[in-house]
Amino acid sequence: MADRRTLRILAIIVAGYALIVIPGLLYRPWYELAAGWLVLVPFVSAHLFHQLGVPGLLENAGACGWGICSPTLLGWIVAGAFWTCVAWLLAWGIALAFRRA
């Protein structure tokens, strides 16, 4: 499950995501493009987990008036861990498919 091929594919997935995120740090309108929506996935997933009943993921317990609450440190950690696991499972599946081919 954690062989070299899986870890190599996981590194490629993480590097690809980083290549999508980094231009947004330098050029703010990047987030308005279709690739910029991928940056919002971890942010939105903290809100979805909050809606599913996981406490402590949003500031002010999700009561931010008309604005959108930012995730707390725990919210960022949970979202990051979740999406890291999803990327690892994807890399494992791709490695398994290459092994069978």
PDB file of N, CA and C in Angstrom:
ATOM      1  N   MET A   1       0.813  -1.203   0.000  1.00  0.00           N
ATOM      2  CA  MET A   1       0.000   0.000   0.000  1.00  0.00           C
ATOM      3  C   MET A   1       0.852   1.260   0.000  1.00  0.00           C
ATOM      4  N   ALA A   2       1.991   1.200   0.661  1.00  0.00           N
ATOM      5  CA  ALA A   2       2.845   2.377   0.716  1.00  0.00           C
ATOM      6  C   ALA A   2       4.169   2.081   0.011  1.00  0.00           C
ATOM      7  N   ASP A   3       4.087   1.557  -1.190  1.00  0.00           N
ATOM      8  CA  ASP A   3       5.301   1.261  -1.922  1.00  0.00           C
ATOM      9  C   ASP A   3       5.817   2.519  -2.617  1.00  0.00           C
ATOM     10  N   ARG A   4       6.952   2.379  -3.269  1.00  0.00           N
ATOM     11  CA  ARG A   4       7.589   3.540  -3.907  1.00  0.00           C
ATOM     12  C   ARG A   4       6.721   4.156  -5.006  1.00  0.00           C
ATOM     13  N   ARG A   5       6.060   3.305  -5.769  1.00  0.00           N
ATOM     14  CA  ARG A   5       5.244   3.812  -6.873  1.00  0.00           C
ATOM     15  C   ARG A   5       4.083   4.663  -6.349  1.00  0.00           C
ATOM     16  N   THR A   6       3.431   4.188  -5.289  1.00  0.00           N
ATOM     17  CA  THR A   6       2.322   4.949  -4.711  1.00  0.00           C
ATOM     18  C   THR A   6       2.813   6.285  -4.178  1.00  0.00           C
ATOM     19  N   LEU A   7       3.942   6.277  -3.468  1.00  0.00           N
ATOM     20  CA  LEU A   7       4.474   7.524  -2.925  1.00  0.00           C
ATOM     21  C   LEU A   7       4.918   8.474  -4.026  1.00  0.00           C
ATOM     22  N   ARG A   8       5.449   7.930  -5.113  1.00  0.00           N
ATOM     23  CA  ARG A   8       5.861   8.774  -6.243  1.00  0.00           C
ATOM     24  C   ARG A   8       4.643   9.428  -6.900  1.00  0.00           C
ATOM     25  N   ILE A   9       3.569   8.658  -7.065  1.00  0.00           N
ATOM     26  CA  ILE A   9       2.347   9.209  -7.660  1.00  0.00           C
ATOM     27  C   ILE A   9       1.721  10.231  -6.722  1.00  0.00           C
ATOM     28  N   LEU A  10       1.751   9.956  -5.408  1.00  0.00           N
ATOM     29  CA  LEU A  10       1.245  10.932  -4.442  1.00  0.00           C
ATOM     30  C   LEU A  10       2.044  12.230  -4.515  1.00  0.00           C
ATOM     31  N   ALA A  11       3.352  12.144  -4.645  1.00  0.00           N
ATOM     32  CA  ALA A  11       4.184  13.343  -4.771  1.00  0.00           C
ATOM     33  C   ALA A  11       3.832  14.124  -6.034  1.00  0.00           C
ATOM     34  N   ILE A  12       3.527  13.422  -7.117  1.00  0.00           N
ATOM     35  CA  ILE A  12       3.132  14.095  -8.362  1.00  0.00           C
ATOM     36  C   ILE A  12       1.794  14.807  -8.175  1.00  0.00           C
ATOM     37  N   ILE A  13       0.848  14.151  -7.492  1.00  0.00           N
ATOM     38  CA  ILE A  13      -0.460  14.776  -7.249  1.00  0.00           C
ATOM     39  C   ILE A  13      -0.305  16.027  -6.390  1.00  0.00           C
ATOM     40  N   VAL A  14       0.489  15.931  -5.317  1.00  0.00           N
ATOM     41  CA  VAL A  14       0.686  17.080  -4.423  1.00  0.00           C
ATOM     42  C   VAL A  14       1.424  18.203  -5.149  1.00  0.00           C
ATOM     43  N   ALA A  15       2.421  17.865  -5.955  1.00  0.00           N
ATOM     44  CA  ALA A  15       3.150  18.886  -6.719  1.00  0.00           C
ATOM     45  C   ALA A  15       2.245  19.553  -7.744  1.00  0.00           C
ATOM     46  N   GLY A  16       1.384  18.775  -8.368  1.00  0.00           N
ATOM     47  CA  GLY A  16       0.433  19.349  -9.326  1.00  0.00           C
ATOM     48  C   GLY A  16      -0.531  20.309  -8.658  1.00  0.00           C
ATOM     49  N   TYR A  17      -1.007  19.937  -7.458  1.00  0.00           N
ATOM     50  CA  TYR A  17      -1.901  20.836  -6.722  1.00  0.00           C
ATOM     51  C   TYR A  17      -1.160  22.104  -6.303  1.00  0.00           C
ATOM     52  N   ALA A  18       0.091  21.955  -5.901  1.00  0.00           N
ATOM     53  CA  ALA A  18       0.889  23.128  -5.525  1.00  0.00           C
ATOM     54  C   ALA A  18       1.099  24.057  -6.722  1.00  0.00           C
ATOM     55  N   LEU A  19       1.278  23.489  -7.908  1.00  0.00           N
ATOM     56  CA  LEU A  19       1.435  24.317  -9.100  1.00  0.00           C
ATOM     57  C   LEU A  19       0.158  25.090  -9.430  1.00  0.00           C
ATOM     58  N   ILE A  20      -0.977  24.568  -8.997  1.00  0.00           N
ATOM     59  CA  ILE A  20      -2.235  25.290  -9.198  1.00  0.00           C
ATOM     60  C   ILE A  20      -2.411  26.381  -8.150  1.00  0.00           C
ATOM     61  N   VAL A  21      -1.956  26.128  -6.925  1.00  0.00           N
ATOM     62  CA  VAL A  21      -2.157  27.072  -5.827  1.00  0.00           C
ATOM     63  C   VAL A  21      -1.182  28.248  -5.876  1.00  0.00           C
ATOM     64  N   ILE A  22       0.064  27.996  -6.217  1.00  0.00           N
ATOM     65  CA  ILE A  22       1.099  29.032  -6.157  1.00  0.00           C
ATOM     66  C   ILE A  22       0.799  30.260  -7.019  1.00  0.00           C
ATOM     67  N   PRO A  23       0.289  30.136  -8.253  1.00  0.00           N
ATOM     68  CA  PRO A  23      -0.017  31.357  -9.007  1.00  0.00           C
ATOM     69  C   PRO A  23      -1.043  32.251  -8.318  1.00  0.00           C
ATOM     70  N   GLY A  24      -1.933  31.674  -7.536  1.00  0.00           N
ATOM     71  CA  GLY A  24      -2.909  32.478  -6.822  1.00  0.00           C
ATOM     72  C   GLY A  24      -2.296  33.346  -5.746  1.00  0.00           C
ATOM     73  N   LEU A  25      -1.163  32.929  -5.214  1.00  0.00           N
ATOM     74  CA  LEU A  25      -0.465  33.749  -4.220  1.00  0.00           C
ATOM     75  C   LEU A  25       0.182  34.968  -4.863  1.00  0.00           C
ATOM     76  N   LEU A  26       0.541  34.846  -6.123  1.00  0.00           N
ATOM     77  CA  LEU A  26       1.217  35.932  -6.821  1.00  0.00           C
ATOM     78  C   LEU A  26       0.279  36.797  -7.650  1.00  0.00           C
ATOM     79  N   TYR A  27      -0.814  36.199  -8.131  1.00  0.00           N
ATOM     80  CA  TYR A  27      -1.732  36.886  -9.041  1.00  0.00           C
ATOM     81  C   TYR A  27      -3.148  36.601  -8.580  1.00  0.00           C
ATOM     82  N   ARG A  28      -3.756  37.543  -7.847  1.00  0.00           N
ATOM     83  CA  ARG A  28      -5.052  37.326  -7.214  1.00  0.00           C
ATOM     84  C   ARG A  28      -6.187  36.974  -8.177  1.00  0.00           C
ATOM     85  N   PRO A  29      -6.273  37.543  -9.377  1.00  0.00           N
ATOM     86  CA  PRO A  29      -7.359  37.137 -10.286  1.00  0.00           C
ATOM     87  C   PRO A  29      -7.285  35.674 -10.721  1.00  0.00           C
ATOM     88  N   TRP A  30      -6.198  34.992 -10.399  1.00  0.00           N
ATOM     89  CA  TRP A  30      -6.079  33.569 -10.722  1.00  0.00           C
ATOM     90  C   TRP A  30      -7.225  32.769 -10.113  1.00  0.00           C
ATOM     91  N   TYR A  31      -7.683  33.185  -8.938  1.00  0.00           N
ATOM     92  CA  TYR A  31      -8.750  32.453  -8.257  1.00  0.00           C
ATOM     93  C   TYR A  31     -10.086  32.548  -8.989  1.00  0.00           C
ATOM     94  N   GLU A  32     -10.224  33.502  -9.889  1.00  0.00           N
ATOM     95  CA  GLU A  32     -11.462  33.633 -10.647  1.00  0.00           C
ATOM     96  C   GLU A  32     -11.522  32.658 -11.829  1.00  0.00           C
ATOM     97  N   LEU A  33     -10.407  32.080 -12.192  1.00  0.00           N
ATOM     98  CA  LEU A  33     -10.371  31.102 -13.275  1.00  0.00           C
ATOM     99  C   LEU A  33     -10.847  29.748 -12.770  1.00  0.00           C
ATOM    100  N   ALA A  34     -11.075  28.838 -13.675  1.00  0.00           N
ATOM    101  CA  ALA A  34     -11.577  27.513 -13.302  1.00  0.00           C
ATOM    102  C   ALA A  34     -10.591  26.764 -12.409  1.00  0.00           C
ATOM    103  N   ALA A  35      -9.300  26.907 -12.665  1.00  0.00           N
ATOM    104  CA  ALA A  35      -8.301  26.232 -11.834  1.00  0.00           C
ATOM    105  C   ALA A  35      -8.284  26.801 -10.419  1.00  0.00           C
ATOM    106  N   GLY A  36      -8.663  28.042 -10.283  1.00  0.00           N
ATOM    107  CA  GLY A  36      -8.693  28.663  -8.967  1.00  0.00           C
ATOM    108  C   GLY A  36      -9.748  28.071  -8.051  1.00  0.00           C
ATOM    109  N   TRP A  37     -10.761  27.456  -8.616  1.00  0.00           N
ATOM    110  CA  TRP A  37     -11.797  26.839  -7.794  1.00  0.00           C
ATOM    111  C   TRP A  37     -11.263  25.640  -7.028  1.00  0.00           C
ATOM    112  N   LEU A  38     -10.211  25.006  -7.528  1.00  0.00           N
ATOM    113  CA  LEU A  38      -9.610  23.879  -6.813  1.00  0.00           C
ATOM    114  C   LEU A  38      -8.994  24.309  -5.487  1.00  0.00           C
ATOM    115  N   VAL A  39      -8.630  25.588  -5.403  1.00  0.00           N
ATOM    116  CA  VAL A  39      -8.050  26.108  -4.164  1.00  0.00           C
ATOM    117  C   VAL A  39      -9.113  26.182  -3.076  1.00  0.00           C
ATOM    118  N   LEU A  40     -10.355  26.398  -3.459  1.00  0.00           N
ATOM    119  CA  LEU A  40     -11.431  26.552  -2.486  1.00  0.00           C
ATOM    120  C   LEU A  40     -11.917  25.237  -1.900  1.00  0.00           C
ATOM    121  N   VAL A  41     -11.520  24.114  -2.476  1.00  0.00           N
ATOM    122  CA  VAL A  41     -12.030  22.826  -2.017  1.00  0.00           C
ATOM    123  C   VAL A  41     -11.723  22.560  -0.542  1.00  0.00           C
ATOM    124  N   PRO A  42     -10.489  22.741  -0.049  1.00  0.00           N
ATOM    125  CA  PRO A  42     -10.260  22.520   1.381  1.00  0.00           C
ATOM    126  C   PRO A  42     -11.035  23.501   2.261  1.00  0.00           C
ATOM    127  N   PHE A  43     -11.167  24.743   1.816  1.00  0.00           N
ATOM    128  CA  PHE A  43     -11.910  25.743   2.574  1.00  0.00           C
ATOM    129  C   PHE A  43     -13.378  25.351   2.699  1.00  0.00           C
ATOM    130  N   VAL A  44     -13.958  24.931   1.599  1.00  0.00           N
ATOM    131  CA  VAL A  44     -15.367  24.549   1.595  1.00  0.00           C
ATOM    132  C   VAL A  44     -15.593  23.239   2.340  1.00  0.00           C
ATOM    133  N   SER A  45     -14.617  22.335   2.296  1.00  0.00           N
ATOM    134  CA  SER A  45     -14.804  21.063   2.985  1.00  0.00           C
ATOM    135  C   SER A  45     -14.886  21.254   4.494  1.00  0.00           C
ATOM    136  N   ALA A  46     -14.200  22.238   5.053  1.00  0.00           N
ATOM    137  CA  ALA A  46     -14.341  22.523   6.487  1.00  0.00           C
ATOM    138  C   ALA A  46     -15.770  22.951   6.788  1.00  0.00           C
ATOM    139  N   HIS A  47     -16.382  23.711   5.899  1.00  0.00           N
ATOM    140  CA  HIS A  47     -17.779  24.114   6.080  1.00  0.00           C
ATOM    141  C   HIS A  47     -18.720  22.919   5.945  1.00  0.00           C
ATOM    142  N   LEU A  48     -18.430  22.037   5.018  1.00  0.00           N
ATOM    143  CA  LEU A  48     -19.274  20.847   4.854  1.00  0.00           C
ATOM    144  C   LEU A  48     -19.183  19.928   6.071  1.00  0.00           C
ATOM    145  N   PHE A  49     -17.975  19.759   6.611  1.00  0.00           N
ATOM    146  CA  PHE A  49     -17.831  18.951   7.825  1.00  0.00           C
ATOM    147  C   PHE A  49     -18.570  19.596   8.990  1.00  0.00           C
ATOM    148  N   HIS A  50     -18.567  20.928   9.049  1.00  0.00           N
ATOM    149  CA  HIS A  50     -19.318  21.628  10.093  1.00  0.00           C
ATOM    150  C   HIS A  50     -20.817  21.359   9.943  1.00  0.00           C
ATOM    151  N   GLN A  51     -21.296  21.370   8.703  1.00  0.00           N
ATOM    152  CA  GLN A  51     -22.705  21.080   8.465  1.00  0.00           C
ATOM    153  C   GLN A  51     -23.062  19.637   8.809  1.00  0.00           C
ATOM    154  N   LEU A  52     -22.089  18.742   8.703  1.00  0.00           N
ATOM    155  CA  LEU A  52     -22.326  17.342   9.063  1.00  0.00           C
ATOM    156  C   LEU A  52     -22.292  17.117  10.570  1.00  0.00           C
ATOM    157  N   GLY A  53     -21.905  18.154  11.324  1.00  0.00           N
ATOM    158  CA  GLY A  53     -21.968  18.061  12.778  1.00  0.00           C
ATOM    159  C   GLY A  53     -20.637  17.947  13.485  1.00  0.00           C
ATOM    160  N   VAL A  54     -19.528  18.145  12.797  1.00  0.00           N
ATOM    161  CA  VAL A  54     -18.220  18.085  13.450  1.00  0.00           C
ATOM    162  C   VAL A  54     -17.976  19.443  14.113  1.00  0.00           C
ATOM    163  N   PRO A  55     -17.847  19.490  15.443  1.00  0.00           N
ATOM    164  CA  PRO A  55     -17.703  20.776  16.122  1.00  0.00           C
ATOM    165  C   PRO A  55     -16.264  21.298  16.087  1.00  0.00           C
ATOM    166  N   GLY A  56     -16.123  22.614  16.238  1.00  0.00           N
ATOM    167  CA  GLY A  56     -14.818  23.240  16.381  1.00  0.00           C
ATOM    168  C   GLY A  56     -14.069  23.507  15.103  1.00  0.00           C
ATOM    169  N   LEU A  57     -14.700  23.358  13.957  1.00  0.00           N
ATOM    170  CA  LEU A  57     -13.989  23.551  12.702  1.00  0.00           C
ATOM    171  C   LEU A  57     -14.056  24.988  12.181  1.00  0.00           C
ATOM    172  N   LEU A  58     -15.065  25.759  12.620  1.00  0.00           N
ATOM    173  CA  LEU A  58     -15.222  27.129  12.148  1.00  0.00           C
ATOM    174  C   LEU A  58     -15.122  28.105  13.313  1.00  0.00           C
ATOM    175  N   GLU A  59     -14.629  29.299  13.008  1.00  0.00           N
ATOM    176  CA  GLU A  59     -14.565  30.343  14.018  1.00  0.00           C
ATOM    177  C   GLU A  59     -15.979  30.737  14.440  1.00  0.00           C
ATOM    178  N   ASN A  60     -16.131  31.140  15.684  1.00  0.00           N
ATOM    179  CA  ASN A  60     -17.407  31.564  16.266  1.00  0.00           C
ATOM    180  C   ASN A  60     -18.482  30.494  16.126  1.00  0.00           C
ATOM    181  N   ALA A  61     -18.083  29.241  16.095  1.00  0.00           N
ATOM    182  CA  ALA A  61     -18.995  28.103  15.948  1.00  0.00           C
ATOM    183  C   ALA A  61     -19.880  28.229  14.708  1.00  0.00           C
ATOM    184  N   GLY A  62     -19.375  28.910  13.688  1.00  0.00           N
ATOM    185  CA  GLY A  62     -20.114  29.042  12.437  1.00  0.00           C
ATOM    186  C   GLY A  62     -21.095  30.196  12.414  1.00  0.00           C
ATOM    187  N   ALA A  63     -21.163  30.993  13.482  1.00  0.00           N
ATOM    188  CA  ALA A  63     -22.093  32.119  13.544  1.00  0.00           C
ATOM    189  C   ALA A  63     -21.336  33.410  13.259  1.00  0.00           C
ATOM    190  N   CYS A  64     -21.160  33.728  11.995  1.00  0.00           N
ATOM    191  CA  CYS A  64     -20.406  34.920  11.612  1.00  0.00           C
ATOM    192  C   CYS A  64     -21.287  35.972  10.950  1.00  0.00           C
ATOM    193  N   GLY A  65     -22.559  35.964  11.215  1.00  0.00           N
ATOM    194  CA  GLY A  65     -23.442  36.955  10.613  1.00  0.00           C
ATOM    195  C   GLY A  65     -23.596  36.718   9.127  1.00  0.00           C
ATOM    196  N   TRP A  66     -23.406  37.786   8.360  1.00  0.00           N
ATOM    197  CA  TRP A  66     -23.581  37.694   6.913  1.00  0.00           C
ATOM    198  C   TRP A  66     -22.352  37.168   6.201  1.00  0.00           C
ATOM    199  N   GLY A  67     -21.232  37.114   6.891  1.00  0.00           N
ATOM    200  CA  GLY A  67     -19.996  36.663   6.254  1.00  0.00           C
ATOM    201  C   GLY A  67     -19.825  35.157   6.330  1.00  0.00           C
ATOM    202  N   ILE A  68     -18.776  34.691   5.699  1.00  0.00           N
ATOM    203  CA  ILE A  68     -18.437  33.279   5.746  1.00  0.00           C
ATOM    204  C   ILE A  68     -17.324  33.128   6.766  1.00  0.00           C
ATOM    205  N   CYS A  69     -17.540  32.258   7.740  1.00  0.00           N
ATOM    206  CA  CYS A  69     -16.553  32.056   8.792  1.00  0.00           C
ATOM    207  C   CYS A  69     -15.311  31.362   8.244  1.00  0.00           C
ATOM    208  N   SER A  70     -14.169  31.762   8.761  1.00  0.00           N
ATOM    209  CA  SER A  70     -12.935  31.079   8.419  1.00  0.00           C
ATOM    210  C   SER A  70     -12.816  29.803   9.236  1.00  0.00           C
ATOM    211  N   PRO A  71     -12.145  28.811   8.675  1.00  0.00           N
ATOM    212  CA  PRO A  71     -11.886  27.618   9.471  1.00  0.00           C
ATOM    213  C   PRO A  71     -10.885  27.923  10.589  1.00  0.00           C
ATOM    214  N   THR A  72     -11.026  27.228  11.689  1.00  0.00           N
ATOM    215  CA  THR A  72     -10.052  27.336  12.770  1.00  0.00           C
ATOM    216  C   THR A  72      -8.833  26.495  12.381  1.00  0.00           C
ATOM    217  N   LEU A  73      -7.829  26.514  13.251  1.00  0.00           N
ATOM    218  CA  LEU A  73      -6.649  25.684  12.988  1.00  0.00           C
ATOM    219  C   LEU A  73      -7.057  24.217  12.903  1.00  0.00           C
ATOM    220  N   LEU A  74      -7.950  23.796  13.794  1.00  0.00           N
ATOM    221  CA  LEU A  74      -8.452  22.423  13.738  1.00  0.00           C
ATOM    222  C   LEU A  74      -9.179  22.159  12.420  1.00  0.00           C
ATOM    223  N   GLY A  75      -9.930  23.141  11.931  1.00  0.00           N
ATOM    224  CA  GLY A  75     -10.630  22.989  10.657  1.00  0.00           C
ATOM    225  C   GLY A  75      -9.678  22.793   9.498  1.00  0.00           C
ATOM    226  N   TRP A  76      -8.587  23.571   9.472  1.00  0.00           N
ATOM    227  CA  TRP A  76      -7.590  23.413   8.411  1.00  0.00           C
ATOM    228  C   TRP A  76      -6.888  22.067   8.520  1.00  0.00           C
ATOM    229  N   ILE A  77      -6.614  21.623   9.747  1.00  0.00           N
ATOM    230  CA  ILE A  77      -5.943  20.332   9.936  1.00  0.00           C
ATOM    231  C   ILE A  77      -6.845  19.183   9.479  1.00  0.00           C
ATOM    232  N   VAL A  78      -8.121  19.234   9.858  1.00  0.00           N
ATOM    233  CA  VAL A  78      -9.056  18.176   9.461  1.00  0.00           C
ATOM    234  C   VAL A  78      -9.233  18.159   7.943  1.00  0.00           C
ATOM    235  N   ALA A  79      -9.410  19.333   7.337  1.00  0.00           N
ATOM    236  CA  ALA A  79      -9.573  19.389   5.879  1.00  0.00           C
ATOM    237  C   ALA A  79      -8.303  18.916   5.176  1.00  0.00           C
ATOM    238  N   GLY A  80      -7.144  19.337   5.667  1.00  0.00           N
ATOM    239  CA  GLY A  80      -5.888  18.895   5.068  1.00  0.00           C
ATOM    240  C   GLY A  80      -5.674  17.396   5.197  1.00  0.00           C
ATOM    241  N   ALA A  81      -5.986  16.851   6.363  1.00  0.00           N
ATOM    242  CA  ALA A  81      -5.838  15.411   6.569  1.00  0.00           C
ATOM    243  C   ALA A  81      -6.799  14.635   5.675  1.00  0.00           C
ATOM    244  N   PHE A  82      -8.022  15.124   5.571  1.00  0.00           N
ATOM    245  CA  PHE A  82      -9.009  14.445   4.725  1.00  0.00           C
ATOM    246  C   PHE A  82      -8.557  14.422   3.269  1.00  0.00           C
ATOM    247  N   TRP A  83      -8.146  15.578   2.748  1.00  0.00           N
ATOM    248  CA  TRP A  83      -7.774  15.624   1.335  1.00  0.00           C
ATOM    249  C   TRP A  83      -6.438  14.957   1.067  1.00  0.00           C
ATOM    250  N   THR A  84      -5.560  14.884   2.070  1.00  0.00           N
ATOM    251  CA  THR A  84      -4.326  14.115   1.913  1.00  0.00           C
ATOM    252  C   THR A  84      -4.650  12.628   1.805  1.00  0.00           C
ATOM    253  N   CYS A  85      -5.591  12.164   2.618  1.00  0.00           N
ATOM    254  CA  CYS A  85      -6.025  10.764   2.531  1.00  0.00           C
ATOM    255  C   CYS A  85      -6.685  10.469   1.188  1.00  0.00           C
ATOM    256  N   VAL A  86      -7.488  11.406   0.697  1.00  0.00           N
ATOM    257  CA  VAL A  86      -8.124  11.220  -0.614  1.00  0.00           C
ATOM    258  C   VAL A  86      -7.060  11.149  -1.711  1.00  0.00           C
ATOM    259  N   ALA A  87      -6.055  12.027  -1.652  1.00  0.00           N
ATOM    260  CA  ALA A  87      -4.983  12.003  -2.653  1.00  0.00           C
ATOM    261  C   ALA A  87      -4.182  10.711  -2.558  1.00  0.00           C
ATOM    262  N   TRP A  88      -3.937  10.221  -1.331  1.00  0.00           N
ATOM    263  CA  TRP A  88      -3.204   8.974  -1.165  1.00  0.00           C
ATOM    264  C   TRP A  88      -4.000   7.799  -1.727  1.00  0.00           C
ATOM    265  N   LEU A  89      -5.304   7.758  -1.478  1.00  0.00           N
ATOM    266  CA  LEU A  89      -6.131   6.682  -2.033  1.00  0.00           C
ATOM    267  C   LEU A  89      -6.157   6.736  -3.561  1.00  0.00           C
ATOM    268  N   LEU A  90      -6.202   7.928  -4.115  1.00  0.00           N
ATOM    269  CA  LEU A  90      -6.147   8.083  -5.570  1.00  0.00           C
ATOM    270  C   LEU A  90      -4.817   7.584  -6.108  1.00  0.00           C
ATOM    271  N   ALA A  91      -3.717   7.960  -5.435  1.00  0.00           N
ATOM    272  CA  ALA A  91      -2.399   7.499  -5.869  1.00  0.00           C
ATOM    273  C   ALA A  91      -2.279   5.991  -5.749  1.00  0.00           C
ATOM    274  N   TRP A  92      -2.835   5.413  -4.690  1.00  0.00           N
ATOM    275  CA  TRP A  92      -2.802   3.964  -4.508  1.00  0.00           C
ATOM    276  C   TRP A  92      -3.592   3.262  -5.601  1.00  0.00           C
ATOM    277  N   GLY A  93      -4.752   3.815  -5.954  1.00  0.00           N
ATOM    278  CA  GLY A  93      -5.557   3.247  -7.024  1.00  0.00           C
ATOM    279  C   GLY A  93      -4.869   3.317  -8.369  1.00  0.00           C
ATOM    280  N   ILE A  94      -4.206   4.435  -8.641  1.00  0.00           N
ATOM    281  CA  ILE A  94      -3.476   4.567  -9.910  1.00  0.00           C
ATOM    282  C   ILE A  94      -2.305   3.581  -9.951  1.00  0.00           C
ATOM    283  N   ALA A  95      -1.595   3.454  -8.840  1.00  0.00           N
ATOM    284  CA  ALA A  95      -0.461   2.514  -8.791  1.00  0.00           C
ATOM    285  C   ALA A  95      -0.952   1.082  -8.970  1.00  0.00           C
ATOM    286  N   LEU A  96      -2.091   0.764  -8.377  1.00  0.00           N
ATOM    287  CA  LEU A  96      -2.666  -0.570  -8.525  1.00  0.00           C
ATOM    288  C   LEU A  96      -3.080  -0.833  -9.970  1.00  0.00           C
ATOM    289  N   ALA A  97      -3.624   0.173 -10.625  1.00  0.00           N
ATOM    290  CA  ALA A  97      -4.027   0.025 -12.021  1.00  0.00           C
ATOM    291  C   ALA A  97      -2.803  -0.176 -12.932  1.00  0.00           C
ATOM    292  N   PHE A  98      -1.722   0.541 -12.644  1.00  0.00           N
ATOM    293  CA  PHE A  98      -0.496   0.360 -13.435  1.00  0.00           C
ATOM    294  C   PHE A  98       0.121  -1.010 -13.200  1.00  0.00           C
ATOM    295  N   ARG A  99       0.017  -1.507 -11.980  1.00  0.00           N
ATOM    296  CA  ARG A  99       0.566  -2.814 -11.657  1.00  0.00           C
ATOM    297  C   ARG A  99      -0.179  -3.927 -12.397  1.00  0.00           C
ATOM    298  N   ARG A 100      -1.480  -3.775 -12.565  1.00  0.00           N
ATOM    299  CA  ARG A 100      -2.277  -4.791 -13.251  1.00  0.00           C
ATOM    300  C   ARG A 100      -2.140  -4.739 -14.758  1.00  0.00           C
ATOM    301  N   ALA A 101      -1.783  -3.574 -15.266  1.00  0.00           N
ATOM    302  CA  ALA A 101      -1.698  -3.410 -16.732  1.00  0.00           C
ATOM    303  C   ALA A 101      -0.450  -4.002 -17.326  1.00  0.00           C
TER     304      ALA A 101
END
